[in-house]
Amino acid sequence: NPYTFLVGESSAGPIVQDIRELPHMLITGTSGDGKSVFQRQLIVTLAGCRNIQIYLIDLKRGGEVKEFRVLPNVRIAKDEMSAVKMLTAVRNEMNSRFKFMEEKGIKKIEPQEHKKDLILVVIDEASSLFGKTSGQKTKTDLATQARELTDELAKLARAAGIHLVIALQKAVKESLDTKTLENLAGRMVFKQSTPAASMTALGNYKAYNLPDLKGRAIWGGGNKFIEVQAPFLSEKALDQKCQDLAKEISADENWNFQPMLSVTGAKSPDNEQFKSGTLTGNVN
């Protein structure tokens, strides 16, 4: 079905999730346990849906999401400045949609009915974006802006057809504001190294008690917590899927309802350097 992705295999069978029903999602786990593999298969699955735009933030200079650069419905931010510009553009689109909803007397954007693309924002290793760096005022200011924008989207964006996926190793307050975490209803939590980390991510110790198997995780939604084996997608297979999908999307001029957001021109009212246009970001 449109806008769905495979969570994994449980003892009761495969679990498939509609991103619209979450509405936002947390992916967390220590390095090497399958977090990045799960995230990449989620992105490529949703990118293959018609009428969706995907905005990726990866401060490792795009290295973790490089395969997606060929997709016409994906944009990638590779540094703090471009990440804040991207989040600002999404926030501006959200406000524009709220105005549209008010004019039409509707409570929720339905892509097919209202001809508005679903928007997915994926922040990879969010601690790199949100963490404050002592002695570097510019980066600290950008981190503050990114936190505020993300929190606003987490609280309000669902009705506007905008969804967040935030990935990081540990869901601690230094990496992710508690108020933002509370709005991430979907939780894909891989093996946690401490009981406290599992408690923060899930409210229980289930992720700490997981066996040491790559790809094993706890899927949490509402009050349900299910142990799953996440799907595996090799880098070679991912690259081929992206190449094939890029051709399919490029050949169909009606794939999306709207053009991609103008990230380069996004401006933040809270930063004079944005207003003057003296700062630039690296966005593909």
C-alpha atoms as a PDB file:
ATOM      1  CA  ASN A   1       0.000   0.000   0.000  1.00  0.00           C
ATOM      2  CA  PRO A   2       1.129   3.617  -0.496  1.00  0.00           C
ATOM      3  CA  TYR A   3       3.398   5.104   2.184  1.00  0.00           C
ATOM      4  CA  THR A   4       4.085   1.775   3.915  1.00  0.00           C
ATOM      5  CA  PHE A   5       7.392   0.133   4.791  1.00  0.00           C
ATOM      6  CA  LEU A   6       8.488  -3.183   6.236  1.00  0.00           C
ATOM      7  CA  VAL A   7       9.330  -3.049   9.946  1.00  0.00           C
ATOM      8  CA  GLY A   8      10.482  -6.647  10.169  1.00  0.00           C
ATOM      9  CA  GLU A   9       9.573 -10.234  10.916  1.00  0.00           C
ATOM     10  CA  SER A  10       7.997 -11.054  14.283  1.00  0.00           C
ATOM     11  CA  SER A  11       7.017 -14.393  15.777  1.00  0.00           C
ATOM     12  CA  ALA A  12       3.508 -13.694  14.478  1.00  0.00           C
ATOM     13  CA  GLY A  13       4.653 -12.809  10.959  1.00  0.00           C
ATOM     14  CA  PRO A  14       5.821  -9.730   9.051  1.00  0.00           C
ATOM     15  CA  ILE A  15       4.951  -6.247  10.308  1.00  0.00           C
ATOM     16  CA  VAL A  16       4.183  -3.490   7.802  1.00  0.00           C
ATOM     17  CA  GLN A  17       3.664   0.120   8.886  1.00  0.00           C
ATOM     18  CA  ASP A  18       1.989   3.114   7.251  1.00  0.00           C
ATOM     19  CA  ILE A  19       4.145   6.194   7.927  1.00  0.00           C
ATOM     20  CA  ARG A  20       1.006   8.351   8.102  1.00  0.00           C
ATOM     21  CA  GLU A  21      -0.243   6.510  11.175  1.00  0.00           C
ATOM     22  CA  LEU A  22       2.836   7.030  13.389  1.00  0.00           C
ATOM     23  CA  PRO A  23       3.117  10.056  12.659  1.00  0.00           C
ATOM     24  CA  HIS A  24       6.806  10.481  13.583  1.00  0.00           C
ATOM     25  CA  MET A  25       9.461   7.893  14.323  1.00  0.00           C
ATOM     26  CA  LEU A  26      12.637   7.258  16.310  1.00  0.00           C
ATOM     27  CA  ILE A  27      15.353   4.805  15.210  1.00  0.00           C
ATOM     28  CA  THR A  28      18.034   4.173  17.801  1.00  0.00           C
ATOM     29  CA  GLY A  29      20.731   1.631  18.536  1.00  0.00           C
ATOM     30  CA  THR A  30      24.461   1.193  18.973  1.00  0.00           C
ATOM     31  CA  SER A  31      26.759   1.162  15.960  1.00  0.00           C
ATOM     32  CA  GLY A  32      26.769  -2.084  13.985  1.00  0.00           C
ATOM     33  CA  ASP A  33      23.441  -3.437  15.241  1.00  0.00           C
ATOM     34  CA  GLY A  34      21.442  -2.690  12.090  1.00  0.00           C
ATOM     35  CA  LYS A  35      20.144   0.846  12.606  1.00  0.00           C
ATOM     36  CA  SER A  36      21.587   2.267   9.389  1.00  0.00           C
ATOM     37  CA  VAL A  37      20.545  -0.742   7.289  1.00  0.00           C
ATOM     38  CA  PHE A  38      16.966  -0.447   8.556  1.00  0.00           C
ATOM     39  CA  GLN A  39      16.915   3.287   7.934  1.00  0.00           C
ATOM     40  CA  ARG A  40      18.145   2.942   4.357  1.00  0.00           C
ATOM     41  CA  GLN A  41      15.585   0.285   3.432  1.00  0.00           C
ATOM     42  CA  LEU A  42      12.833   2.457   4.944  1.00  0.00           C
ATOM     43  CA  ILE A  43      13.936   5.431   2.830  1.00  0.00           C
ATOM     44  CA  VAL A  44      14.183   3.538  -0.462  1.00  0.00           C
ATOM     45  CA  THR A  45      10.825   1.856   0.138  1.00  0.00           C
ATOM     46  CA  LEU A  46       9.039   5.146   0.764  1.00  0.00           C
ATOM     47  CA  ALA A  47      10.927   6.902  -2.053  1.00  0.00           C
ATOM     48  CA  GLY A  48       9.327   4.378  -4.379  1.00  0.00           C
ATOM     49  CA  CYS A  49       5.851   5.655  -3.464  1.00  0.00           C
ATOM     50  CA  ARG A  50       4.256   8.210  -5.731  1.00  0.00           C
ATOM     51  CA  ASN A  51       3.545  11.693  -4.375  1.00  0.00           C
ATOM     52  CA  ILE A  52       6.187  11.792  -1.656  1.00  0.00           C
ATOM     53  CA  GLN A  53       9.138  14.129  -1.157  1.00  0.00           C
ATOM     54  CA  ILE A  54      12.055  13.069   1.051  1.00  0.00           C
ATOM     55  CA  TYR A  55      14.515  15.413   2.751  1.00  0.00           C
ATOM     56  CA  LEU A  56      17.606  13.793   4.284  1.00  0.00           C
ATOM     57  CA  ILE A  57      19.978  15.371   6.789  1.00  0.00           C
ATOM     58  CA  ASP A  58      23.331  13.611   7.098  1.00  0.00           C
ATOM     59  CA  LEU A  59      26.186  15.580   8.613  1.00  0.00           C
ATOM     60  CA  LYS A  60      28.680  12.900   7.621  1.00  0.00           C
ATOM     61  CA  ARG A  61      28.760  14.840   4.351  1.00  0.00           C
ATOM     62  CA  GLY A  62      26.070  12.615   2.896  1.00  0.00           C
ATOM     63  CA  GLY A  63      28.146   9.476   3.160  1.00  0.00           C
ATOM     64  CA  GLU A  64      25.439   7.438   4.871  1.00  0.00           C
ATOM     65  CA  VAL A  65      22.810   8.282   2.243  1.00  0.00           C
ATOM     66  CA  LYS A  66      24.916   8.714  -0.896  1.00  0.00           C
ATOM     67  CA  GLU A  67      22.910   6.130  -2.887  1.00  0.00           C
ATOM     68  CA  PHE A  68      19.827   8.375  -2.735  1.00  0.00           C
ATOM     69  CA  ARG A  69      21.471  11.296  -4.544  1.00  0.00           C
ATOM     70  CA  VAL A  70      20.204   9.988  -7.902  1.00  0.00           C
ATOM     71  CA  LEU A  71      16.540  10.155  -6.875  1.00  0.00           C
ATOM     72  CA  PRO A  72      14.618  13.192  -8.184  1.00  0.00           C
ATOM     73  CA  ASN A  73      12.288  13.191  -5.156  1.00  0.00           C
ATOM     74  CA  VAL A  74      15.114  13.298  -2.588  1.00  0.00           C
ATOM     75  CA  ARG A  75      17.237  16.199  -1.316  1.00  0.00           C
ATOM     76  CA  ILE A  76      20.243  15.831   0.998  1.00  0.00           C
ATOM     77  CA  ALA A  77      21.675  18.357   3.470  1.00  0.00           C
ATOM     78  CA  LYS A  78      25.316  17.700   4.376  1.00  0.00           C
ATOM     79  CA  ASP A  79      26.181  20.390   6.921  1.00  0.00           C
ATOM     80  CA  GLU A  80      24.599  22.322   9.780  1.00  0.00           C
ATOM     81  CA  MET A  81      23.754  25.392   7.737  1.00  0.00           C
ATOM     82  CA  SER A  82      22.017  23.508   4.935  1.00  0.00           C
ATOM     83  CA  ALA A  83      20.227  21.345   7.532  1.00  0.00           C
ATOM     84  CA  VAL A  84      18.739  24.417   9.210  1.00  0.00           C
ATOM     85  CA  LYS A  85      17.768  25.831   5.818  1.00  0.00           C
ATOM     86  CA  MET A  86      16.106  22.544   4.943  1.00  0.00           C
ATOM     87  CA  LEU A  87      14.154  22.403   8.206  1.00  0.00           C
ATOM     88  CA  THR A  88      13.153  26.032   7.744  1.00  0.00           C
ATOM     89  CA  ALA A  89      11.844  25.327   4.249  1.00  0.00           C
ATOM     90  CA  VAL A  90       9.812  22.393   5.564  1.00  0.00           C
ATOM     91  CA  ARG A  91       8.470  24.538   8.413  1.00  0.00           C
ATOM     92  CA  ASN A  92       7.463  27.227   5.901  1.00  0.00           C
ATOM     93  CA  GLU A  93       5.691  24.593   3.784  1.00  0.00           C
ATOM     94  CA  MET A  94       3.870  23.393   6.901  1.00  0.00           C
ATOM     95  CA  ASN A  95       2.633  26.919   7.628  1.00  0.00           C
ATOM     96  CA  SER A  96       1.554  27.331   4.004  1.00  0.00           C
ATOM     97  CA  ARG A  97      -0.424  24.100   4.267  1.00  0.00           C
ATOM     98  CA  PHE A  98      -2.068  25.255   7.473  1.00  0.00           C
ATOM     99  CA  LYS A  99      -3.296  28.332   5.619  1.00  0.00           C
ATOM    100  CA  PHE A 100      -4.577  26.090   2.797  1.00  0.00           C
ATOM    101  CA  MET A 101      -6.362  23.870   5.327  1.00  0.00           C
ATOM    102  CA  GLU A 102      -7.995  26.872   6.970  1.00  0.00           C
ATOM    103  CA  GLU A 103      -9.206  28.210   3.633  1.00  0.00           C
ATOM    104  CA  LYS A 104     -10.602  24.805   2.618  1.00  0.00           C
ATOM    105  CA  GLY A 105     -12.085  24.047   6.033  1.00  0.00           C
ATOM    106  CA  ILE A 106     -10.205  20.751   6.412  1.00  0.00           C
ATOM    107  CA  LYS A 107      -8.346  19.237   9.364  1.00  0.00           C
ATOM    108  CA  LYS A 108      -5.800  17.052   7.584  1.00  0.00           C
ATOM    109  CA  ILE A 109      -3.943  16.923   4.274  1.00  0.00           C
ATOM    110  CA  GLU A 110      -4.793  13.894   2.148  1.00  0.00           C
ATOM    111  CA  PRO A 111      -2.235  13.736  -0.692  1.00  0.00           C
ATOM    112  CA  GLN A 112      -4.510  12.297  -3.366  1.00  0.00           C
ATOM    113  CA  GLU A 113      -7.483  14.486  -2.516  1.00  0.00           C
ATOM    114  CA  HIS A 114      -5.666  17.775  -1.985  1.00  0.00           C
ATOM    115  CA  LYS A 115      -2.821  17.276  -4.499  1.00  0.00           C
ATOM    116  CA  LYS A 116      -0.141  17.870  -1.889  1.00  0.00           C
ATOM    117  CA  ASP A 117       2.836  15.531  -1.653  1.00  0.00           C
ATOM    118  CA  LEU A 118       3.558  13.715   1.572  1.00  0.00           C
ATOM    119  CA  ILE A 119       6.819  15.045   3.021  1.00  0.00           C
ATOM    120  CA  LEU A 120       9.294  12.890   4.937  1.00  0.00           C
ATOM    121  CA  VAL A 121      12.231  14.419   6.822  1.00  0.00           C
ATOM    122  CA  VAL A 122      14.951  11.977   7.918  1.00  0.00           C
ATOM    123  CA  ILE A 123      17.652  13.171  10.323  1.00  0.00           C
ATOM    124  CA  ASP A 124      20.530  10.704  10.496  1.00  0.00           C
ATOM    125  CA  GLU A 125      22.618  10.642  13.705  1.00  0.00           C
ATOM    126  CA  ALA A 126      20.697  13.565  15.137  1.00  0.00           C
ATOM    127  CA  SER A 127      23.221  14.097  17.939  1.00  0.00           C
ATOM    128  CA  SER A 128      25.608  15.576  15.340  1.00  0.00           C
ATOM    129  CA  LEU A 129      23.010  18.203  14.448  1.00  0.00           C
ATOM    130  CA  PHE A 130      21.485  18.932  17.847  1.00  0.00           C
ATOM    131  CA  GLY A 131      24.572  18.634  20.044  1.00  0.00           C
ATOM    132  CA  LYS A 132      26.054  21.917  21.231  1.00  0.00           C
ATOM    133  CA  THR A 133      29.752  22.490  20.552  1.00  0.00           C
ATOM    134  CA  SER A 134      31.539  24.503  23.224  1.00  0.00           C
ATOM    135  CA  GLY A 135      33.524  27.437  21.919  1.00  0.00           C
ATOM    136  CA  GLN A 136      31.882  27.433  18.485  1.00  0.00           C
ATOM    137  CA  LYS A 137      29.079  29.964  18.659  1.00  0.00           C
ATOM    138  CA  THR A 138      27.916  29.566  15.072  1.00  0.00           C
ATOM    139  CA  LYS A 139      27.470  25.801  15.433  1.00  0.00           C
ATOM    140  CA  THR A 140      25.793  26.242  18.801  1.00  0.00           C
ATOM    141  CA  ASP A 141      23.354  28.753  17.322  1.00  0.00           C
ATOM    142  CA  LEU A 142      22.609  26.413  14.418  1.00  0.00           C
ATOM    143  CA  ALA A 143      22.068  23.508  16.815  1.00  0.00           C
ATOM    144  CA  THR A 144      19.591  25.610  18.792  1.00  0.00           C
ATOM    145  CA  GLN A 145      17.705  26.573  15.629  1.00  0.00           C
ATOM    146  CA  ALA A 146      17.652  22.945  14.460  1.00  0.00           C
ATOM    147  CA  ARG A 147      16.268  21.787  17.824  1.00  0.00           C
ATOM    148  CA  GLU A 148      13.538  24.445  17.786  1.00  0.00           C
ATOM    149  CA  LEU A 149      12.510  23.744  14.187  1.00  0.00           C
ATOM    150  CA  THR A 150      12.435  19.987  14.756  1.00  0.00           C
ATOM    151  CA  ASP A 151      10.366  20.360  17.910  1.00  0.00           C
ATOM    152  CA  GLU A 152       7.866  22.566  16.058  1.00  0.00           C
ATOM    153  CA  LEU A 153       7.548  20.022  13.253  1.00  0.00           C
ATOM    154  CA  ALA A 154       7.182  17.140  15.708  1.00  0.00           C
ATOM    155  CA  LYS A 155       4.339  18.910  17.487  1.00  0.00           C
ATOM    156  CA  LEU A 156       2.401  20.286  14.542  1.00  0.00           C
ATOM    157  CA  ALA A 157       3.353  18.793  11.187  1.00  0.00           C
ATOM    158  CA  ARG A 158       1.306  15.587  11.140  1.00  0.00           C
ATOM    159  CA  ALA A 159      -1.928  17.246  10.024  1.00  0.00           C
ATOM    160  CA  ALA A 160      -0.026  18.943   7.195  1.00  0.00           C
ATOM    161  CA  GLY A 161       1.185  15.611   5.788  1.00  0.00           C
ATOM    162  CA  ILE A 162       4.741  16.066   7.050  1.00  0.00           C
ATOM    163  CA  HIS A 163       6.526  13.305   8.992  1.00  0.00           C
ATOM    164  CA  LEU A 164       9.842  12.991  10.831  1.00  0.00           C
ATOM    165  CA  VAL A 165      12.212  10.058  11.206  1.00  0.00           C
ATOM    166  CA  ILE A 166      15.027  10.748  13.667  1.00  0.00           C
ATOM    167  CA  ALA A 167      17.941   8.314  14.022  1.00  0.00           C
ATOM    168  CA  LEU A 168      20.665   8.359  16.676  1.00  0.00           C
ATOM    169  CA  GLN A 169      22.666   5.986  18.842  1.00  0.00           C
ATOM    170  CA  LYS A 170      21.252   7.026  22.211  1.00  0.00           C
ATOM    171  CA  ALA A 171      18.017   8.893  22.907  1.00  0.00           C
ATOM    172  CA  VAL A 172      19.490  11.103  25.649  1.00  0.00           C
ATOM    173  CA  LYS A 173      18.493  14.691  26.363  1.00  0.00           C
ATOM    174  CA  GLU A 174      21.908  15.949  25.200  1.00  0.00           C
ATOM    175  CA  SER A 175      21.114  14.571  21.731  1.00  0.00           C
ATOM    176  CA  LEU A 176      17.339  14.992  21.527  1.00  0.00           C
ATOM    177  CA  ASP A 177      14.995  17.218  23.510  1.00  0.00           C
ATOM    178  CA  THR A 178      12.585  15.297  25.718  1.00  0.00           C
ATOM    179  CA  LYS A 179       9.629  17.249  24.350  1.00  0.00           C
ATOM    180  CA  THR A 180      10.564  16.198  20.811  1.00  0.00           C
ATOM    181  CA  LEU A 181      11.076  12.574  21.847  1.00  0.00           C
ATOM    182  CA  GLU A 182       7.563  12.478  23.310  1.00  0.00           C
ATOM    183  CA  ASN A 183       6.109  13.176  19.851  1.00  0.00           C
ATOM    184  CA  LEU A 184       7.980  10.308  18.143  1.00  0.00           C
ATOM    185  CA  ALA A 185       5.264   7.695  18.519  1.00  0.00           C
ATOM    186  CA  GLY A 186       6.963   5.002  16.451  1.00  0.00           C
ATOM    187  CA  ARG A 187      10.068   3.472  18.045  1.00  0.00           C
ATOM    188  CA  MET A 188      12.489   1.087  16.314  1.00  0.00           C
ATOM    189  CA  VAL A 189      15.005   0.346  19.061  1.00  0.00           C
ATOM    190  CA  PHE A 190      17.961  -1.933  18.454  1.00  0.00           C
ATOM    191  CA  LYS A 191      20.152  -3.444  21.175  1.00  0.00           C
ATOM    192  CA  GLN A 192      20.838  -0.915  23.948  1.00  0.00           C
ATOM    193  CA  SER A 193      24.055  -1.066  25.961  1.00  0.00           C
ATOM    194  CA  THR A 194      22.476  -0.049  29.280  1.00  0.00           C
ATOM    195  CA  PRO A 195      19.105  -0.490  31.017  1.00  0.00           C
ATOM    196  CA  ALA A 196      18.834   3.299  31.277  1.00  0.00           C
ATOM    197  CA  ALA A 197      19.183   3.733  27.504  1.00  0.00           C
ATOM    198  CA  SER A 198      16.429   1.176  26.896  1.00  0.00           C
ATOM    199  CA  MET A 199      14.221   2.866  29.481  1.00  0.00           C
ATOM    200  CA  THR A 200      14.668   6.256  27.814  1.00  0.00           C
ATOM    201  CA  ALA A 201      13.864   4.919  24.345  1.00  0.00           C
ATOM    202  CA  LEU A 202      10.998   2.572  25.241  1.00  0.00           C
ATOM    203  CA  GLY A 203      10.029   3.079  28.867  1.00  0.00           C
ATOM    204  CA  ASN A 204      11.137  -0.495  29.631  1.00  0.00           C
ATOM    205  CA  TYR A 205      14.226  -2.746  29.522  1.00  0.00           C
ATOM    206  CA  LYS A 206      13.243  -4.811  26.488  1.00  0.00           C
ATOM    207  CA  ALA A 207      15.918  -3.356  24.187  1.00  0.00           C
ATOM    208  CA  TYR A 208      18.623  -3.997  26.795  1.00  0.00           C
ATOM    209  CA  ASN A 209      17.545  -7.626  27.089  1.00  0.00           C
ATOM    210  CA  LEU A 210      17.657  -8.303  23.341  1.00  0.00           C
ATOM    211  CA  PRO A 211      19.967 -11.102  22.152  1.00  0.00           C
ATOM    212  CA  ASP A 212      23.209 -10.067  20.464  1.00  0.00           C
ATOM    213  CA  LEU A 213      21.940 -10.543  16.920  1.00  0.00           C
ATOM    214  CA  LYS A 214      22.410  -7.943  14.210  1.00  0.00           C
ATOM    215  CA  GLY A 215      19.078  -6.571  13.047  1.00  0.00           C
ATOM    216  CA  ARG A 216      17.177  -7.645  16.169  1.00  0.00           C
ATOM    217  CA  ALA A 217      15.078  -4.824  17.619  1.00  0.00           C
ATOM    218  CA  ILE A 218      12.012  -3.844  19.579  1.00  0.00           C
ATOM    219  CA  TRP A 219       9.251  -2.194  17.563  1.00  0.00           C
ATOM    220  CA  GLY A 220       7.188   0.071  19.778  1.00  0.00           C
ATOM    221  CA  GLY A 221       3.963   1.793  18.824  1.00  0.00           C
ATOM    222  CA  GLY A 222       1.528   3.000  21.470  1.00  0.00           C
ATOM    223  CA  ASN A 223       1.585   0.457  24.297  1.00  0.00           C
ATOM    224  CA  LYS A 224       2.720  -2.476  22.138  1.00  0.00           C
ATOM    225  CA  PHE A 225       6.323  -3.679  22.093  1.00  0.00           C
ATOM    226  CA  ILE A 226       7.214  -6.431  19.612  1.00  0.00           C
ATOM    227  CA  GLU A 227      10.558  -8.128  19.089  1.00  0.00           C
ATOM    228  CA  VAL A 228      11.382  -8.167  15.380  1.00  0.00           C
ATOM    229  CA  GLN A 229      14.158  -9.081  12.993  1.00  0.00           C
ATOM    230  CA  ALA A 230      14.636  -6.058  10.764  1.00  0.00           C
ATOM    231  CA  PRO A 231      14.855  -6.531   6.982  1.00  0.00           C
ATOM    232  CA  PHE A 232      18.306  -6.639   5.417  1.00  0.00           C
ATOM    233  CA  LEU A 233      19.214  -4.764   2.254  1.00  0.00           C
ATOM    234  CA  SER A 234      22.816  -4.895   1.052  1.00  0.00           C
ATOM    235  CA  GLU A 235      24.560  -1.757  -0.202  1.00  0.00           C
ATOM    236  CA  LYS A 236      24.843  -3.298  -3.674  1.00  0.00           C
ATOM    237  CA  ALA A 237      21.124  -4.086  -3.795  1.00  0.00           C
ATOM    238  CA  LEU A 238      20.301  -0.623  -2.440  1.00  0.00           C
ATOM    239  CA  ASP A 239      22.379   1.053  -5.130  1.00  0.00           C
ATOM    240  CA  GLN A 240      20.651  -0.961  -7.849  1.00  0.00           C
ATOM    241  CA  LYS A 241      17.196  -0.206  -6.449  1.00  0.00           C
ATOM    242  CA  CYS A 242      17.997   3.518  -6.395  1.00  0.00           C
ATOM    243  CA  GLN A 243      19.304   3.464  -9.974  1.00  0.00           C
ATOM    244  CA  ASP A 244      16.184   1.648 -11.205  1.00  0.00           C
ATOM    245  CA  LEU A 245      13.865   3.891  -9.219  1.00  0.00           C
ATOM    246  CA  ALA A 246      15.575   7.047 -10.494  1.00  0.00           C
ATOM    247  CA  LYS A 247      14.833   5.995 -14.072  1.00  0.00           C
ATOM    248  CA  GLU A 248      11.222   5.204 -13.220  1.00  0.00           C
ATOM    249  CA  ILE A 249      10.616   8.546 -11.508  1.00  0.00           C
ATOM    250  CA  SER A 250      12.392  10.572 -14.199  1.00  0.00           C
ATOM    251  CA  ALA A 251      10.260   8.956 -16.899  1.00  0.00           C
ATOM    252  CA  ASP A 252       7.004   9.926 -15.172  1.00  0.00           C
ATOM    253  CA  GLU A 253       6.351  13.677 -15.090  1.00  0.00           C
ATOM    254  CA  ASN A 254       3.299  13.100 -12.891  1.00  0.00           C
ATOM    255  CA  TRP A 255       5.172  11.250 -10.136  1.00  0.00           C
ATOM    256  CA  ASN A 256       4.826  14.194  -7.742  1.00  0.00           C
ATOM    257  CA  PHE A 257       2.072  16.761  -7.305  1.00  0.00           C
ATOM    258  CA  GLN A 258       4.466  19.559  -6.329  1.00  0.00           C
ATOM    259  CA  PRO A 259       8.016  20.665  -7.151  1.00  0.00           C
ATOM    260  CA  MET A 260      10.633  20.005  -4.483  1.00  0.00           C
ATOM    261  CA  LEU A 261      10.964  22.688  -1.820  1.00  0.00           C
ATOM    262  CA  SER A 262      13.382  25.520  -2.525  1.00  0.00           C
ATOM    263  CA  VAL A 263      15.857  24.762   0.240  1.00  0.00           C
ATOM    264  CA  THR A 264      18.550  27.151  -1.011  1.00  0.00           C
ATOM    265  CA  GLY A 265      16.214  30.105  -0.720  1.00  0.00           C
ATOM    266  CA  ALA A 266      14.900  29.211   2.716  1.00  0.00           C
ATOM    267  CA  LYS A 267      15.449  31.929   5.273  1.00  0.00           C
ATOM    268  CA  SER A 268      15.267  31.960   9.043  1.00  0.00           C
ATOM    269  CA  PRO A 269      13.715  35.026  10.713  1.00  0.00           C
ATOM    270  CA  ASP A 270      15.844  34.337  13.801  1.00  0.00           C
ATOM    271  CA  ASN A 271      19.247  34.771  12.210  1.00  0.00           C
ATOM    272  CA  GLU A 272      20.441  38.001  10.601  1.00  0.00           C
ATOM    273  CA  GLN A 273      23.095  36.141   8.603  1.00  0.00           C
ATOM    274  CA  PHE A 274      20.342  34.145   6.919  1.00  0.00           C
ATOM    275  CA  LYS A 275      18.515  37.365   6.057  1.00  0.00           C
ATOM    276  CA  SER A 276      21.580  38.923   4.498  1.00  0.00           C
ATOM    277  CA  GLY A 277      22.304  35.790   2.467  1.00  0.00           C
ATOM    278  CA  THR A 278      25.917  35.630   3.660  1.00  0.00           C
ATOM    279  CA  LEU A 279      25.732  32.004   4.773  1.00  0.00           C
ATOM    280  CA  THR A 280      25.404  29.086   2.374  1.00  0.00           C
ATOM    281  CA  GLY A 281      24.691  25.413   2.824  1.00  0.00           C
ATOM    282  CA  ASN A 282      25.521  22.256   0.893  1.00  0.00           C
ATOM    283  CA  VAL A 283      22.301  20.722  -0.391  1.00  0.00           C
ATOM    284  CA  ASN A 284      21.914  18.223  -3.221  1.00  0.00           C
END
